[in-house]
């Protein structure tokens, strides 16, 4: 895992939170929820390979 991934996740979190607040104050709660959901899905796609690698490492560790 590189530090760039952590910075990208932090940037998405900041952008989604600002967008969420703007949309909620303008009365668009549904769109705010969808923006939060889109940010979550984006970050999950970024970290999915690392999670798969973690499970593979754990599987290899216990199948000695």
PDB file of N, CA and C in Angstrom:
ATOM      1  N   UNK A   1       0.853  -1.176   0.000  1.00  0.00           N
ATOM      2  CA  UNK A   1       0.000   0.000   0.000  1.00  0.00           C
ATOM      3  C   UNK A   1       0.895   1.234   0.000  1.00  0.00           C
ATOM      4  N   UNK A   2       0.621   2.117  -0.888  1.00  0.00           N
ATOM      5  CA  UNK A   2       1.438   3.320  -0.985  1.00  0.00           C
ATOM      6  C   UNK A   2       0.768   4.482  -0.271  1.00  0.00           C
ATOM      7  N   UNK A   3       1.557   5.489  -0.021  1.00  0.00           N
ATOM      8  CA  UNK A   3       1.036   6.679   0.643  1.00  0.00           C
ATOM      9  C   UNK A   3       0.096   7.454  -0.282  1.00  0.00           C
ATOM     10  N   UNK A   4       0.279   7.265  -1.605  1.00  0.00           N
ATOM     11  CA  UNK A   4      -0.598   7.945  -2.561  1.00  0.00           C
ATOM     12  C   UNK A   4      -2.040   7.484  -2.414  1.00  0.00           C
ATOM     13  N   UNK A   5      -2.240   6.201  -2.151  1.00  0.00           N
ATOM     14  CA  UNK A   5      -3.592   5.685  -1.965  1.00  0.00           C
ATOM     15  C   UNK A   5      -4.245   6.315  -0.736  1.00  0.00           C
ATOM     16  N   UNK A   6      -3.492   6.475   0.319  1.00  0.00           N
ATOM     17  CA  UNK A   6      -4.033   7.094   1.532  1.00  0.00           C
ATOM     18  C   UNK A   6      -4.413   8.549   1.267  1.00  0.00           C
ATOM     19  N   UNK A   7      -3.592   9.264   0.514  1.00  0.00           N
ATOM     20  CA  UNK A   7      -3.913  10.647   0.174  1.00  0.00           C
ATOM     21  C   UNK A   7      -5.136  10.729  -0.732  1.00  0.00           C
ATOM     22  N   UNK A   8      -5.269   9.786  -1.663  1.00  0.00           N
ATOM     23  CA  UNK A   8      -6.440   9.775  -2.541  1.00  0.00           C
ATOM     24  C   UNK A   8      -7.710   9.500  -1.754  1.00  0.00           C
ATOM     25  N   UNK A   9      -7.635   8.576  -0.811  1.00  0.00           N
ATOM     26  CA  UNK A   9      -8.802   8.276   0.019  1.00  0.00           C
ATOM     27  C   UNK A   9      -9.173   9.488   0.876  1.00  0.00           C
ATOM     28  N   UNK A  10      -8.180  10.159   1.421  1.00  0.00           N
ATOM     29  CA  UNK A  10      -8.441  11.360   2.227  1.00  0.00           C
ATOM     30  C   UNK A  10      -9.055  12.465   1.374  1.00  0.00           C
ATOM     31  N   UNK A  11      -8.567  12.635   0.156  1.00  0.00           N
ATOM     32  CA  UNK A  11      -9.110  13.671  -0.735  1.00  0.00           C
ATOM     33  C   UNK A  11     -10.559  13.373  -1.095  1.00  0.00           C
ATOM     34  N   UNK A  12     -10.858  12.119  -1.377  1.00  0.00           N
ATOM     35  CA  UNK A  12     -12.248  11.748  -1.683  1.00  0.00           C
ATOM     36  C   UNK A  12     -13.129  11.981  -0.468  1.00  0.00           C
ATOM     37  N   UNK A  13     -12.635  11.647   0.713  1.00  0.00           N
ATOM     38  CA  UNK A  13     -13.413  11.877   1.926  1.00  0.00           C
ATOM     39  C   UNK A  13     -13.718  13.343   2.158  1.00  0.00           C
ATOM     40  N   UNK A  14     -12.736  14.194   1.943  1.00  0.00           N
ATOM     41  CA  UNK A  14     -12.948  15.637   2.115  1.00  0.00           C
ATOM     42  C   UNK A  14     -13.934  16.167   1.085  1.00  0.00           C
ATOM     43  N   UNK A  15     -13.751  15.764  -0.172  1.00  0.00           N
ATOM     44  CA  UNK A  15     -14.651  16.248  -1.228  1.00  0.00           C
ATOM     45  C   UNK A  15     -16.081  15.761  -1.017  1.00  0.00           C
ATOM     46  N   UNK A  16     -16.231  14.518  -0.625  1.00  0.00           N
ATOM     47  CA  UNK A  16     -17.573  13.984  -0.408  1.00  0.00           C
ATOM     48  C   UNK A  16     -18.234  14.672   0.785  1.00  0.00           C
ATOM     49  N   UNK A  17     -17.493  14.938   1.836  1.00  0.00           N
ATOM     50  CA  UNK A  17     -18.098  15.592   2.997  1.00  0.00           C
ATOM     51  C   UNK A  17     -18.517  17.025   2.684  1.00  0.00           C
ATOM     52  N   UNK A  18     -17.703  17.741   1.923  1.00  0.00           N
ATOM     53  CA  UNK A  18     -18.083  19.111   1.534  1.00  0.00           C
ATOM     54  C   UNK A  18     -19.308  19.083   0.626  1.00  0.00           C
ATOM     55  N   UNK A  19     -19.286  18.189  -0.363  1.00  0.00           N
ATOM     56  CA  UNK A  19     -20.429  18.070  -1.265  1.00  0.00           C
ATOM     57  C   UNK A  19     -21.684  17.650  -0.512  1.00  0.00           C
ATOM     58  N   UNK A  20     -21.523  16.766   0.447  1.00  0.00           N
ATOM     59  CA  UNK A  20     -22.645  16.312   1.258  1.00  0.00           C
ATOM     60  C   UNK A  20     -23.264  17.479   2.035  1.00  0.00           C
ATOM     61  N   UNK A  21     -22.435  18.299   2.652  1.00  0.00           N
ATOM     62  CA  UNK A  21     -22.949  19.438   3.416  1.00  0.00           C
ATOM     63  C   UNK A  21     -23.647  20.455   2.518  1.00  0.00           C
ATOM     64  N   UNK A  22     -23.063  20.727   1.349  1.00  0.00           N
ATOM     65  CA  UNK A  22     -23.675  21.683   0.422  1.00  0.00           C
ATOM     66  C   UNK A  22     -25.036  21.175  -0.044  1.00  0.00           C
ATOM     67  N   UNK A  23     -25.098  19.904  -0.395  1.00  0.00           N
ATOM     68  CA  UNK A  23     -26.360  19.350  -0.872  1.00  0.00           C
ATOM     69  C   UNK A  23     -27.407  19.285   0.232  1.00  0.00           C
ATOM     70  N   UNK A  24     -27.007  18.974   1.452  1.00  0.00           N
ATOM     71  CA  UNK A  24     -27.981  18.926   2.553  1.00  0.00           C
ATOM     72  C   UNK A  24     -28.535  20.307   2.873  1.00  0.00           C
ATOM     73  N   UNK A  25     -27.693  21.327   2.816  1.00  0.00           N
ATOM     74  CA  UNK A  25     -28.164  22.682   3.128  1.00  0.00           C
ATOM     75  C   UNK A  25     -29.048  23.243   2.026  1.00  0.00           C
ATOM     76  N   UNK A  26     -28.928  22.693   0.819  1.00  0.00           N
ATOM     77  CA  UNK A  26     -29.793  23.156  -0.261  1.00  0.00           C
ATOM     78  C   UNK A  26     -31.060  22.311  -0.368  1.00  0.00           C
ATOM     79  N   UNK A  27     -31.231  21.368   0.547  1.00  0.00           N
ATOM     80  CA  UNK A  27     -32.459  20.592   0.576  1.00  0.00           C
ATOM     81  C   UNK A  27     -32.461  19.368  -0.311  1.00  0.00           C
ATOM     82  N   UNK A  28     -31.331  18.913  -0.725  1.00  0.00           N
ATOM     83  CA  UNK A  28     -31.239  17.748  -1.610  1.00  0.00           C
ATOM     84  C   UNK A  28     -30.596  16.574  -0.861  1.00  0.00           C
ATOM     85  N   UNK A  29     -31.313  16.065   0.115  1.00  0.00           N
ATOM     86  CA  UNK A  29     -30.776  14.992   0.937  1.00  0.00           C
ATOM     87  C   UNK A  29     -30.558  13.713   0.141  1.00  0.00           C
ATOM     88  N   UNK A  30     -31.436  13.447  -0.831  1.00  0.00           N
ATOM     89  CA  UNK A  30     -31.287  12.229  -1.640  1.00  0.00           C
ATOM     90  C   UNK A  30     -29.997  12.259  -2.448  1.00  0.00           C
ATOM     91  N   UNK A  31     -29.707  13.401  -3.051  1.00  0.00           N
ATOM     92  CA  UNK A  31     -28.476  13.516  -3.829  1.00  0.00           C
ATOM     93  C   UNK A  31     -27.245  13.491  -2.930  1.00  0.00           C
ATOM     94  N   UNK A  32     -27.368  14.011  -1.720  1.00  0.00           N
ATOM     95  CA  UNK A  32     -26.261  13.954  -0.770  1.00  0.00           C
ATOM     96  C   UNK A  32     -25.962  12.508  -0.393  1.00  0.00           C
ATOM     97  N   UNK A  33     -27.003  11.729  -0.188  1.00  0.00           N
ATOM     98  CA  UNK A  33     -26.810  10.311   0.117  1.00  0.00           C
ATOM     99  C   UNK A  33     -26.151   9.587  -1.058  1.00  0.00           C
ATOM    100  N   UNK A  34     -26.579   9.881  -2.267  1.00  0.00           N
ATOM    101  CA  UNK A  34     -25.998   9.235  -3.445  1.00  0.00           C
ATOM    102  C   UNK A  34     -24.536   9.638  -3.645  1.00  0.00           C
ATOM    103  N   UNK A  35     -24.206  10.875  -3.337  1.00  0.00           N
ATOM    104  CA  UNK A  35     -22.810  11.314  -3.436  1.00  0.00           C
ATOM    105  C   UNK A  35     -21.946  10.586  -2.405  1.00  0.00           C
ATOM    106  N   UNK A  36     -22.460  10.407  -1.207  1.00  0.00           N
ATOM    107  CA  UNK A  36     -21.726   9.663  -0.182  1.00  0.00           C
ATOM    108  C   UNK A  36     -21.552   8.207  -0.582  1.00  0.00           C
ATOM    109  N   UNK A  37     -22.599   7.630  -1.129  1.00  0.00           N
ATOM    110  CA  UNK A  37     -22.537   6.245  -1.575  1.00  0.00           C
ATOM    111  C   UNK A  37     -21.543   6.079  -2.723  1.00  0.00           C
ATOM    112  N   UNK A  38     -21.518   7.026  -3.638  1.00  0.00           N
ATOM    113  CA  UNK A  38     -20.571   6.965  -4.755  1.00  0.00           C
ATOM    114  C   UNK A  38     -19.131   7.077  -4.260  1.00  0.00           C
ATOM    115  N   UNK A  39     -18.884   7.938  -3.289  1.00  0.00           N
ATOM    116  CA  UNK A  39     -17.547   8.049  -2.719  1.00  0.00           C
ATOM    117  C   UNK A  39     -17.120   6.773  -2.026  1.00  0.00           C
ATOM    118  N   UNK A  40     -18.043   6.152  -1.305  1.00  0.00           N
ATOM    119  CA  UNK A  40     -17.742   4.898  -0.627  1.00  0.00           C
ATOM    120  C   UNK A  40     -17.423   3.787  -1.625  1.00  0.00           C
ATOM    121  N   UNK A  41     -18.200   3.681  -2.681  1.00  0.00           N
ATOM    122  CA  UNK A  41     -17.967   2.646  -3.688  1.00  0.00           C
ATOM    123  C   UNK A  41     -16.640   2.876  -4.403  1.00  0.00           C
ATOM    124  N   UNK A  42     -16.312   4.125  -4.685  1.00  0.00           N
ATOM    125  CA  UNK A  42     -15.039   4.443  -5.341  1.00  0.00           C
ATOM    126  C   UNK A  42     -13.859   4.000  -4.482  1.00  0.00           C
ATOM    127  N   UNK A  43     -13.912   4.320  -3.210  1.00  0.00           N
ATOM    128  CA  UNK A  43     -12.818   3.945  -2.307  1.00  0.00           C
ATOM    129  C   UNK A  43     -12.751   2.423  -2.143  1.00  0.00           C
ATOM    130  N   UNK A  44     -13.901   1.765  -2.083  1.00  0.00           N
ATOM    131  CA  UNK A  44     -13.893   0.308  -1.967  1.00  0.00           C
ATOM    132  C   UNK A  44     -13.267  -0.350  -3.188  1.00  0.00           C
ATOM    133  N   UNK A  45     -13.511   0.184  -4.371  1.00  0.00           N
ATOM    134  CA  UNK A  45     -12.874  -0.362  -5.569  1.00  0.00           C
ATOM    135  C   UNK A  45     -11.369  -0.153  -5.539  1.00  0.00           C
ATOM    136  N   UNK A  46     -10.913   0.941  -4.941  1.00  0.00           N
ATOM    137  CA  UNK A  46      -9.479   1.189  -4.849  1.00  0.00           C
ATOM    138  C   UNK A  46      -8.802   0.214  -3.886  1.00  0.00           C
ATOM    139  N   UNK A  47      -9.461  -0.126  -2.779  1.00  0.00           N
ATOM    140  CA  UNK A  47      -8.805  -0.975  -1.784  1.00  0.00           C
ATOM    141  C   UNK A  47      -9.137  -2.453  -1.942  1.00  0.00           C
ATOM    142  N   UNK A  48     -10.012  -2.802  -2.875  1.00  0.00           N
ATOM    143  CA  UNK A  48     -10.378  -4.199  -3.075  1.00  0.00           C
ATOM    144  C   UNK A  48      -9.187  -5.095  -3.407  1.00  0.00           C
ATOM    145  N   UNK A  49      -8.235  -4.680  -4.255  1.00  0.00           N
ATOM    146  CA  UNK A  49      -7.068  -5.549  -4.490  1.00  0.00           C
ATOM    147  C   UNK A  49      -6.237  -5.798  -3.233  1.00  0.00           C
ATOM    148  N   UNK A  50      -6.139  -4.820  -2.371  1.00  0.00           N
ATOM    149  CA  UNK A  50      -5.376  -4.989  -1.133  1.00  0.00           C
ATOM    150  C   UNK A  50      -6.085  -5.944  -0.175  1.00  0.00           C
ATOM    151  N   UNK A  51      -7.410  -5.901  -0.156  1.00  0.00           N
ATOM    152  CA  UNK A  51      -8.166  -6.831   0.683  1.00  0.00           C
ATOM    153  C   UNK A  51      -8.011  -8.255   0.165  1.00  0.00           C
ATOM    154  N   UNK A  52      -8.064  -8.417  -1.157  1.00  0.00           N
ATOM    155  CA  UNK A  52      -7.870  -9.751  -1.737  1.00  0.00           C
ATOM    156  C   UNK A  52      -6.469 -10.277  -1.441  1.00  0.00           C
ATOM    157  N   UNK A  53      -5.475  -9.402  -1.509  1.00  0.00           N
ATOM    158  CA  UNK A  53      -4.101  -9.803  -1.179  1.00  0.00           C
ATOM    159  C   UNK A  53      -3.981 -10.196   0.293  1.00  0.00           C
ATOM    160  N   UNK A  54      -4.664  -9.484   1.167  1.00  0.00           N
ATOM    161  CA  UNK A  54      -4.658  -9.814   2.588  1.00  0.00           C
ATOM    162  C   UNK A  54      -5.246 -11.201   2.835  1.00  0.00           C
ATOM    163  N   UNK A  55      -6.389 -11.493   2.223  1.00  0.00           N
ATOM    164  CA  UNK A  55      -6.996 -12.809   2.398  1.00  0.00           C
ATOM    165  C   UNK A  55      -6.117 -13.914   1.816  1.00  0.00           C
ATOM    166  N   UNK A  56      -5.466 -13.653   0.697  1.00  0.00           N
ATOM    167  CA  UNK A  56      -4.564 -14.642   0.118  1.00  0.00           C
ATOM    168  C   UNK A  56      -3.377 -14.903   1.046  1.00  0.00           C
ATOM    169  N   UNK A  57      -2.837 -13.858   1.640  1.00  0.00           N
ATOM    170  CA  UNK A  57      -1.725 -14.009   2.576  1.00  0.00           C
ATOM    171  C   UNK A  57      -2.144 -14.795   3.812  1.00  0.00           C
ATOM    172  N   UNK A  58      -3.337 -14.512   4.324  1.00  0.00           N
ATOM    173  CA  UNK A  58      -3.834 -15.240   5.493  1.00  0.00           C
ATOM    174  C   UNK A  58      -4.057 -16.708   5.151  1.00  0.00           C
ATOM    175  N   UNK A  59      -4.595 -16.958   3.967  1.00  0.00           N
ATOM    176  CA  UNK A  59      -4.823 -18.344   3.542  1.00  0.00           C
ATOM    177  C   UNK A  59      -3.494 -19.086   3.414  1.00  0.00           C
ATOM    178  N   UNK A  60      -2.494 -18.447   2.848  1.00  0.00           N
ATOM    179  CA  UNK A  60      -1.176 -19.077   2.716  1.00  0.00           C
ATOM    180  C   UNK A  60      -0.518 -19.293   4.077  1.00  0.00           C
ATOM    181  N   UNK A  61      -0.753 -18.398   4.993  1.00  0.00           N
ATOM    182  CA  UNK A  61      -0.160 -18.509   6.321  1.00  0.00           C
ATOM    183  C   UNK A  61      -0.694 -19.704   7.088  1.00  0.00           C
ATOM    184  N   UNK A  62      -2.002 -19.945   6.983  1.00  0.00           N
ATOM    185  CA  UNK A  62      -2.600 -21.033   7.751  1.00  0.00           C
ATOM    186  C   UNK A  62      -2.589 -22.373   7.025  1.00  0.00           C
ATOM    187  N   UNK A  63      -2.115 -22.403   5.801  1.00  0.00           N
ATOM    188  CA  UNK A  63      -2.037 -23.686   5.090  1.00  0.00           C
ATOM    189  C   UNK A  63      -0.582 -24.142   5.007  1.00  0.00           C
ATOM    190  N   UNK A  64       0.142 -24.012   6.091  1.00  0.00           N
ATOM    191  CA  UNK A  64       1.540 -24.410   6.124  1.00  0.00           C
ATOM    192  C   UNK A  64       1.672 -25.869   5.998  1.00  0.00           C
TER     193      UNK A  64
END
